[in-house]
Full PDB file with SEQRES, HELIX, SHEET, SSBOND, CRYST1, ORIGX, SCALE, CONECT and MASTER records, all heavy atoms in Angstrom:
SEQRES   1 A   34  ILE PRO VAL ILE GLY ILE PRO ILE SER THR LYS THR LEU          
SEQRES   2 A   34  GLY GLY VAL ASP SER LEU TYR SER ILE VAL GLN MET PRO          
SEQRES   3 A   34  SER GLY ILE PRO VAL ALA THR VAL                              
HELIX    1 AA1 VAL A   16  VAL A   23  1                                   8    
SHEET    1 AA1 2 ILE A   4  GLY A   5  0                                        
SHEET    2 AA1 2 ALA A  32  THR A  33  1                                        
CRYST1    1.000    1.000    1.000  90.00  90.00  90.00 P 1           1          
ORIGX1      1.000000  0.000000  0.000000        0.00000                         
ORIGX2      0.000000  1.000000  0.000000        0.00000                         
ORIGX3      0.000000  0.000000  1.000000        0.00000                         
SCALE1      1.000000  0.000000  0.000000        0.00000                         
SCALE2      0.000000  1.000000  0.000000        0.00000                         
SCALE3      0.000000  0.000000  1.000000        0.00000                         
ATOM      1  N   ILE A   1     103.601  92.476 105.647  1.00  0.00           N  
ATOM      2  CA  ILE A   1     104.321  91.457 104.869  1.00  0.00           C  
ATOM      3  C   ILE A   1     104.726  92.067 103.530  1.00  0.00           C  
ATOM      4  O   ILE A   1     103.878  92.572 102.800  1.00  0.00           O  
ATOM      5  CB  ILE A   1     103.435  90.203 104.640  1.00  0.00           C  
ATOM      6  CG1 ILE A   1     103.085  89.551 105.983  1.00  0.00           C  
ATOM      7  CG2 ILE A   1     104.139  89.211 103.722  1.00  0.00           C  
ATOM      8  CD1 ILE A   1     102.129  88.379 105.881  1.00  0.00           C  
ATOM      9  N   PRO A   2     106.022  92.034 103.202  1.00  0.00           N  
ATOM     10  CA  PRO A   2     106.435  92.577 101.906  1.00  0.00           C  
ATOM     11  C   PRO A   2     105.807  91.812 100.745  1.00  0.00           C  
ATOM     12  O   PRO A   2     105.725  90.581 100.771  1.00  0.00           O  
ATOM     13  CB  PRO A   2     107.955  92.390 101.894  1.00  0.00           C  
ATOM     14  CG  PRO A   2     108.356  92.072 103.284  1.00  0.00           C  
ATOM     15  CD  PRO A   2     107.155  91.516 103.976  1.00  0.00           C  
ATOM     16  N   VAL A   3     105.370  92.552  99.740  1.00  0.00           N  
ATOM     17  CA  VAL A   3     104.807  91.964  98.528  1.00  0.00           C  
ATOM     18  C   VAL A   3     105.675  92.390  97.350  1.00  0.00           C  
ATOM     19  O   VAL A   3     105.978  93.573  97.182  1.00  0.00           O  
ATOM     20  CB  VAL A   3     103.344  92.411  98.307  1.00  0.00           C  
ATOM     21  CG1 VAL A   3     102.815  91.883  96.975  1.00  0.00           C  
ATOM     22  CG2 VAL A   3     102.457  91.949  99.459  1.00  0.00           C  
ATOM     23  N   ILE A   4     106.061  91.397  96.556  1.00  0.00           N  
ATOM     24  CA  ILE A   4     106.835  91.638  95.343  1.00  0.00           C  
ATOM     25  C   ILE A   4     105.920  91.320  94.165  1.00  0.00           C  
ATOM     26  O   ILE A   4     105.403  90.209  94.066  1.00  0.00           O  
ATOM     27  CB  ILE A   4     108.096  90.754  95.290  1.00  0.00           C  
ATOM     28  CG1 ILE A   4     108.985  91.012  96.510  1.00  0.00           C  
ATOM     29  CG2 ILE A   4     108.863  90.998  93.982  1.00  0.00           C  
ATOM     30  CD1 ILE A   4     110.107  89.990  96.685  1.00  0.00           C  
ATOM     31  N   GLY A   5     105.724  92.285  93.288  1.00  0.00           N  
ATOM     32  CA  GLY A   5     104.857  92.095  92.138  1.00  0.00           C  
ATOM     33  C   GLY A   5     105.642  91.776  90.881  1.00  0.00           C  
ATOM     34  O   GLY A   5     106.690  92.378  90.624  1.00  0.00           O  
ATOM     35  N   ILE A   6     105.126  90.829  90.128  1.00  0.00           N  
ATOM     36  CA  ILE A   6     105.708  90.471  88.830  1.00  0.00           C  
ATOM     37  C   ILE A   6     104.679  90.804  87.754  1.00  0.00           C  
ATOM     38  O   ILE A   6     103.654  90.133  87.647  1.00  0.00           O  
ATOM     39  CB  ILE A   6     106.048  88.975  88.745  1.00  0.00           C  
ATOM     40  CG1 ILE A   6     106.987  88.562  89.879  1.00  0.00           C  
ATOM     41  CG2 ILE A   6     106.653  88.649  87.370  1.00  0.00           C  
ATOM     42  CD1 ILE A   6     107.137  87.065  90.015  1.00  0.00           C  
ATOM     43  N   PRO A   7     104.929  91.849  86.969  1.00  0.00           N  
ATOM     44  CA  PRO A   7     104.020  92.123  85.850  1.00  0.00           C  
ATOM     45  C   PRO A   7     104.196  91.048  84.782  1.00  0.00           C  
ATOM     46  O   PRO A   7     105.313  90.755  84.367  1.00  0.00           O  
ATOM     47  CB  PRO A   7     104.473  93.486  85.327  1.00  0.00           C  
ATOM     48  CG  PRO A   7     105.628  93.911  86.173  1.00  0.00           C  
ATOM     49  CD  PRO A   7     106.014  92.807  87.061  1.00  0.00           C  
ATOM     50  N   ILE A   8     103.100  90.447  84.381  1.00  0.00           N  
ATOM     51  CA  ILE A   8     103.144  89.387  83.375  1.00  0.00           C  
ATOM     52  C   ILE A   8     102.800  89.990  82.010  1.00  0.00           C  
ATOM     53  O   ILE A   8     101.852  90.763  81.882  1.00  0.00           O  
ATOM     54  CB  ILE A   8     102.151  88.254  83.723  1.00  0.00           C  
ATOM     55  CG1 ILE A   8     102.424  87.690  85.123  1.00  0.00           C  
ATOM     56  CG2 ILE A   8     102.182  87.165  82.663  1.00  0.00           C  
ATOM     57  CD1 ILE A   8     103.730  86.950  85.295  1.00  0.00           C  
ATOM     58  N   SER A   9     103.574  89.625  81.021  1.00  0.00           N  
ATOM     59  CA  SER A   9     103.355  90.126  79.666  1.00  0.00           C  
ATOM     60  C   SER A   9     101.956  89.760  79.176  1.00  0.00           C  
ATOM     61  O   SER A   9     101.466  88.663  79.435  1.00  0.00           O  
ATOM     62  CB  SER A   9     104.404  89.545  78.727  1.00  0.00           C  
ATOM     63  OG  SER A   9     104.245  90.078  77.440  1.00  0.00           O  
ATOM     64  N   THR A  10     101.347  90.688  78.459  1.00  0.00           N  
ATOM     65  CA  THR A  10     100.018  90.455  77.892  1.00  0.00           C  
ATOM     66  C   THR A  10     100.094  90.560  76.376  1.00  0.00           C  
ATOM     67  O   THR A  10     100.995  91.197  75.824  1.00  0.00           O  
ATOM     68  CB  THR A  10      99.011  91.501  78.414  1.00  0.00           C  
ATOM     69  OG1 THR A  10      99.487  92.804  78.088  1.00  0.00           O  
ATOM     70  CG2 THR A  10      98.825  91.387  79.914  1.00  0.00           C  
ATOM     71  N   LYS A  11      99.120  89.967  75.709  1.00  0.00           N  
ATOM     72  CA  LYS A  11      99.090  90.019  74.242  1.00  0.00           C  
ATOM     73  C   LYS A  11      98.765  91.422  73.745  1.00  0.00           C  
ATOM     74  O   LYS A  11      99.280  91.859  72.724  1.00  0.00           O  
ATOM     75  CB  LYS A  11      98.060  89.022  73.700  1.00  0.00           C  
ATOM     76  CG  LYS A  11      98.456  87.595  73.907  1.00  0.00           C  
ATOM     77  CD  LYS A  11      97.392  86.645  73.408  1.00  0.00           C  
ATOM     78  CE  LYS A  11      97.802  85.223  73.741  1.00  0.00           C  
ATOM     79  NZ  LYS A  11      96.725  84.280  73.540  1.00  0.00           N  
ATOM     80  N   THR A  12      97.919  92.130  74.473  1.00  0.00           N  
ATOM     81  CA  THR A  12      97.471  93.429  73.967  1.00  0.00           C  
ATOM     82  C   THR A  12      98.498  94.530  74.152  1.00  0.00           C  
ATOM     83  O   THR A  12      98.731  95.300  73.229  1.00  0.00           O  
ATOM     84  CB  THR A  12      96.148  93.846  74.651  1.00  0.00           C  
ATOM     85  OG1 THR A  12      96.311  93.753  76.064  1.00  0.00           O  
ATOM     86  CG2 THR A  12      95.009  92.963  74.214  1.00  0.00           C  
ATOM     87  N   LEU A  13      99.122  94.617  75.324  1.00  0.00           N  
ATOM     88  CA  LEU A  13     100.041  95.725  75.581  1.00  0.00           C  
ATOM     89  C   LEU A  13     101.437  95.273  76.018  1.00  0.00           C  
ATOM     90  O   LEU A  13     102.215  96.085  76.519  1.00  0.00           O  
ATOM     91  CB  LEU A  13      99.444  96.668  76.634  1.00  0.00           C  
ATOM     92  CG  LEU A  13      98.142  97.361  76.204  1.00  0.00           C  
ATOM     93  CD1 LEU A  13      97.534  98.121  77.373  1.00  0.00           C  
ATOM     94  CD2 LEU A  13      98.391  98.313  75.040  1.00  0.00           C  
ATOM     95  N   GLY A  14     101.728  94.000  75.854  1.00  0.00           N  
ATOM     96  CA  GLY A  14     103.071  93.505  76.122  1.00  0.00           C  
ATOM     97  C   GLY A  14     103.502  93.526  77.572  1.00  0.00           C  
ATOM     98  O   GLY A  14     104.677  93.388  77.873  1.00  0.00           O  
ATOM     99  N   GLY A  15     102.583  93.720  78.482  1.00  0.00           N  
ATOM    100  CA  GLY A  15     102.923  93.737  79.903  1.00  0.00           C  
ATOM    101  C   GLY A  15     103.105  95.119  80.489  1.00  0.00           C  
ATOM    102  O   GLY A  15     103.233  95.274  81.696  1.00  0.00           O  
ATOM    103  N   VAL A  16     103.128  96.146  79.639  1.00  0.00           N  
ATOM    104  CA  VAL A  16     103.265  97.516  80.150  1.00  0.00           C  
ATOM    105  C   VAL A  16     102.049  97.866  81.006  1.00  0.00           C  
ATOM    106  O   VAL A  16     102.176  98.523  82.043  1.00  0.00           O  
ATOM    107  CB  VAL A  16     103.465  98.523  78.995  1.00  0.00           C  
ATOM    108  CG1 VAL A  16     103.451  99.944  79.506  1.00  0.00           C  
ATOM    109  CG2 VAL A  16     104.774  98.236  78.275  1.00  0.00           C  
ATOM    110  N   ASP A  17     100.884  97.381  80.604  1.00  0.00           N  
ATOM    111  CA  ASP A  17      99.675  97.598  81.407  1.00  0.00           C  
ATOM    112  C   ASP A  17      99.838  96.986  82.794  1.00  0.00           C  
ATOM    113  O   ASP A  17      99.521  97.610  83.809  1.00  0.00           O  
ATOM    114  CB  ASP A  17      98.441  97.033  80.699  1.00  0.00           C  
ATOM    115  CG  ASP A  17      98.610  95.607  80.188  1.00  0.00           C  
ATOM    116  OD1 ASP A  17      99.755  95.115  80.096  1.00  0.00           O  
ATOM    117  OD2 ASP A  17      97.589  94.974  79.869  1.00  0.00           O  
ATOM    118  N   SER A  18     100.375  95.776  82.838  1.00  0.00           N  
ATOM    119  CA  SER A  18     100.597  95.090  84.117  1.00  0.00           C  
ATOM    120  C   SER A  18     101.618  95.842  84.957  1.00  0.00           C  
ATOM    121  O   SER A  18     101.433  96.028  86.164  1.00  0.00           O  
ATOM    122  CB  SER A  18     101.113  93.671  83.861  1.00  0.00           C  
ATOM    123  OG  SER A  18     100.347  93.006  82.897  1.00  0.00           O  
ATOM    124  N   LEU A  19     102.696  96.270  84.327  1.00  0.00           N  
ATOM    125  CA  LEU A  19     103.735  97.014  85.027  1.00  0.00           C  
ATOM    126  C   LEU A  19     103.167  98.275  85.667  1.00  0.00           C  
ATOM    127  O   LEU A  19     103.372  98.532  86.853  1.00  0.00           O  
ATOM    128  CB  LEU A  19     104.871  97.378  84.062  1.00  0.00           C  
ATOM    129  CG  LEU A  19     105.975  98.271  84.619  1.00  0.00           C  
ATOM    130  CD1 LEU A  19     106.741  97.567  85.724  1.00  0.00           C  
ATOM    131  CD2 LEU A  19     106.910  98.709  83.506  1.00  0.00           C  
ATOM    132  N   TYR A  20     102.438  99.055  84.886  1.00  0.00           N  
ATOM    133  CA  TYR A  20     101.857 100.291  85.425  1.00  0.00           C  
ATOM    134  C   TYR A  20     100.878 100.006  86.552  1.00  0.00           C  
ATOM    135  O   TYR A  20     100.848 100.731  87.552  1.00  0.00           O  
ATOM    136  CB  TYR A  20     101.157 101.089  84.327  1.00  0.00           C  
ATOM    137  CG  TYR A  20     102.082 101.767  83.335  1.00  0.00           C  
ATOM    138  CD1 TYR A  20     101.601 102.197  82.117  1.00  0.00           C  
ATOM    139  CD2 TYR A  20     103.425 101.963  83.609  1.00  0.00           C  
ATOM    140  CE1 TYR A  20     102.436 102.828  81.196  1.00  0.00           C  
ATOM    141  CE2 TYR A  20     104.265 102.582  82.695  1.00  0.00           C  
ATOM    142  CZ  TYR A  20     103.765 103.014  81.493  1.00  0.00           C  
ATOM    143  OH  TYR A  20     104.586 103.626  80.589  1.00  0.00           O  
ATOM    144  N   SER A  21     100.076  98.955  86.419  1.00  0.00           N  
ATOM    145  CA  SER A  21      99.112  98.629  87.466  1.00  0.00           C  
ATOM    146  C   SER A  21      99.800  98.295  88.780  1.00  0.00           C  
ATOM    147  O   SER A  21      99.321  98.666  89.849  1.00  0.00           O  
ATOM    148  CB  SER A  21      98.241  97.441  87.046  1.00  0.00           C  
ATOM    149  OG  SER A  21      97.397  97.787  85.986  1.00  0.00           O  
ATOM    150  N   ILE A  22     100.920  97.594  88.707  1.00  0.00           N  
ATOM    151  CA  ILE A  22     101.608  97.164  89.929  1.00  0.00           C  
ATOM    152  C   ILE A  22     102.459  98.282  90.518  1.00  0.00           C  
ATOM    153  O   ILE A  22     102.468  98.512  91.720  1.00  0.00           O  
ATOM    154  CB  ILE A  22     102.459  95.906  89.654  1.00  0.00           C  
ATOM    155  CG1 ILE A  22     101.549  94.738  89.256  1.00  0.00           C  
ATOM    156  CG2 ILE A  22     103.289  95.537  90.878  1.00  0.00           C  
ATOM    157  CD1 ILE A  22     102.279  93.503  88.758  1.00  0.00           C  
ATOM    158  N   VAL A  23     103.163  99.002  89.681  1.00  0.00           N  
ATOM    159  CA  VAL A  23     104.119  99.989  90.183  1.00  0.00           C  
ATOM    160  C   VAL A  23     103.438 101.271  90.690  1.00  0.00           C  
ATOM    161  O   VAL A  23     103.992 101.975  91.515  1.00  0.00           O  
ATOM    162  CB  VAL A  23     105.195 100.289  89.112  1.00  0.00           C  
ATOM    163  CG1 VAL A  23     104.704 101.257  88.057  1.00  0.00           C  
ATOM    164  CG2 VAL A  23     106.481 100.771  89.731  1.00  0.00           C  
ATOM    165  N   GLN A  24     102.227 101.549  90.250  1.00  0.00           N  
ATOM    166  CA  GLN A  24     101.541 102.798  90.615  1.00  0.00           C  
ATOM    167  C   GLN A  24     100.640 102.636  91.838  1.00  0.00           C  
ATOM    168  O   GLN A  24      99.521 103.116  91.857  1.00  0.00           O  
ATOM    169  CB  GLN A  24     100.720 103.314  89.427  1.00  0.00           C  
ATOM    170  CG  GLN A  24     101.554 103.817  88.288  1.00  0.00           C  
ATOM    171  CD  GLN A  24     102.325 105.084  88.649  1.00  0.00           C  
ATOM    172  OE1 GLN A  24     102.067 105.744  89.628  1.00  0.00           O  
ATOM    173  NE2 GLN A  24     103.303 105.417  87.834  1.00  0.00           N  
ATOM    174  N   MET A  25     101.145 101.998  92.867  1.00  0.00           N  
ATOM    175  CA  MET A  25     100.359 101.833  94.090  1.00  0.00           C  
ATOM    176  C   MET A  25     100.312 103.159  94.851  1.00  0.00           C  
ATOM    177  O   MET A  25     101.252 103.946  94.810  1.00  0.00           O  
ATOM    178  CB  MET A  25     100.975 100.741  94.960  1.00  0.00           C  
ATOM    179  CG  MET A  25     100.835  99.353  94.367  1.00  0.00           C  
ATOM    180  SD  MET A  25      99.118  98.868  94.124  1.00  0.00           S  
ATOM    181  CE  MET A  25      98.528  98.886  95.803  1.00  0.00           C  
ATOM    182  N   PRO A  26      99.216 103.384  95.583  1.00  0.00           N  
ATOM    183  CA  PRO A  26      99.110 104.634  96.343  1.00  0.00           C  
ATOM    184  C   PRO A  26     100.066 104.643  97.533  1.00  0.00           C  
ATOM    185  O   PRO A  26     100.488 103.594  98.016  1.00  0.00           O  
ATOM    186  CB  PRO A  26      97.646 104.636  96.809  1.00  0.00           C  
ATOM    187  CG  PRO A  26      97.233 103.211  96.792  1.00  0.00           C  
ATOM    188  CD  PRO A  26      98.023 102.553  95.701  1.00  0.00           C  
ATOM    189  N   SER A  27     100.366 105.821  97.994  1.00  0.00           N  
ATOM    190  CA  SER A  27     101.244 105.993  99.154  1.00  0.00           C  
ATOM    191  C   SER A  27     100.723 105.171 100.328  1.00  0.00           C  
ATOM    192  O   SER A  27      99.532 105.170 100.617  1.00  0.00           O  
ATOM    193  CB  SER A  27     101.297 107.472  99.526  1.00  0.00           C  
ATOM    194  OG  SER A  27     102.128 107.662 100.643  1.00  0.00           O  
ATOM    195  N   GLY A  28     101.618 104.455 100.966  1.00  0.00           N  
ATOM    196  CA  GLY A  28     101.255 103.650 102.123  1.00  0.00           C  
ATOM    197  C   GLY A  28     101.000 102.189 101.803  1.00  0.00           C  
ATOM    198  O   GLY A  28     100.923 101.363 102.708  1.00  0.00           O  
ATOM    199  N   ILE A  29     100.862 101.849 100.528  1.00  0.00           N  
ATOM    200  CA  ILE A  29     100.617 100.458 100.122  1.00  0.00           C  
ATOM    201  C   ILE A  29     101.681 100.075  99.080  1.00  0.00           C  
ATOM    202  O   ILE A  29     101.383  99.914  97.892  1.00  0.00           O  
ATOM    203  CB  ILE A  29      99.196 100.256  99.527  1.00  0.00           C  
ATOM    204  CG1 ILE A  29      98.123 100.906 100.368  1.00  0.00           C  
ATOM    205  CG2 ILE A  29      98.913  98.766  99.316  1.00  0.00           C  
ATOM    206  CD1 ILE A  29      97.932 100.283 101.744  1.00  0.00           C  
ATOM    207  N   PRO A  30     102.939  99.940  99.499  1.00  0.00           N  
ATOM    208  CA  PRO A  30     103.985  99.659  98.514  1.00  0.00           C  
ATOM    209  C   PRO A  30     103.967  98.221  98.021  1.00  0.00           C  
ATOM    210  O   PRO A  30     103.607  97.297  98.751  1.00  0.00           O  
ATOM    211  CB  PRO A  30     105.276  99.922  99.306  1.00  0.00           C  
ATOM    212  CG  PRO A  30     104.910  99.596 100.713  1.00  0.00           C  
ATOM    213  CD  PRO A  30     103.464 100.033 100.862  1.00  0.00           C  
ATOM    214  N   VAL A  31     104.343  98.065  96.760  1.00  0.00           N  
ATOM    215  CA  VAL A  31     104.597  96.755  96.167  1.00  0.00           C  
ATOM    216  C   VAL A  31     105.942  96.882  95.450  1.00  0.00           C  
ATOM    217  O   VAL A  31     106.085  97.691  94.534  1.00  0.00           O  
ATOM    218  CB  VAL A  31     103.491  96.346  95.163  1.00  0.00           C  
ATOM    219  CG1 VAL A  31     103.874  95.052  94.449  1.00  0.00           C  
ATOM    220  CG2 VAL A  31     102.147  96.187  95.860  1.00  0.00           C  
ATOM    221  N   ALA A  32     106.911  96.097  95.895  1.00  0.00           N  
ATOM    222  CA  ALA A  32     108.180  96.052  95.172  1.00  0.00           C  
ATOM    223  C   ALA A  32     107.885  95.416  93.821  1.00  0.00           C  
ATOM    224  O   ALA A  32     107.150  94.428  93.744  1.00  0.00           O  
ATOM    225  CB  ALA A  32     109.202  95.227  95.943  1.00  0.00           C  
ATOM    226  N   THR A  33     108.410  95.979  92.757  1.00  0.00           N  
ATOM    227  CA  THR A  33     108.054  95.505  91.422  1.00  0.00           C  
ATOM    228  C   THR A  33     109.314  95.182  90.634  1.00  0.00           C  
ATOM    229  O   THR A  33     110.253  95.971  90.622  1.00  0.00           O  
ATOM    230  CB  THR A  33     107.221  96.572  90.676  1.00  0.00           C  
ATOM    231  OG1 THR A  33     106.155  96.984  91.524  1.00  0.00           O  
ATOM    232  CG2 THR A  33     106.666  96.041  89.382  1.00  0.00           C  
ATOM    233  N   VAL A  34     109.301  94.023  89.987  1.00  0.00           N  
ATOM    234  CA  VAL A  34     110.420  93.624  89.137  1.00  0.00           C  
ATOM    235  C   VAL A  34     110.012  93.811  87.675  1.00  0.00           C  
ATOM    236  O   VAL A  34     108.909  94.254  87.384  1.00  0.00           O  
ATOM    237  CB  VAL A  34     110.853  92.166  89.437  1.00  0.00           C  
ATOM    238  CG1 VAL A  34     111.392  92.039  90.864  1.00  0.00           C  
ATOM    239  CG2 VAL A  34     109.719  91.182  89.206  1.00  0.00           C  
TER     240      VAL A  34                                                      
MASTER        0    0    0    1    2    0    0    6  239    1    0    3          
END                                                                             
């Protein structure tokens, strides 16, 4: 099942932490990220 990840902005790092967590999935476990 395709999974689309939405990084949510955070107070501490503005959402960059969320973006990196979602977009850096290991090979074989993709998450489309907006």
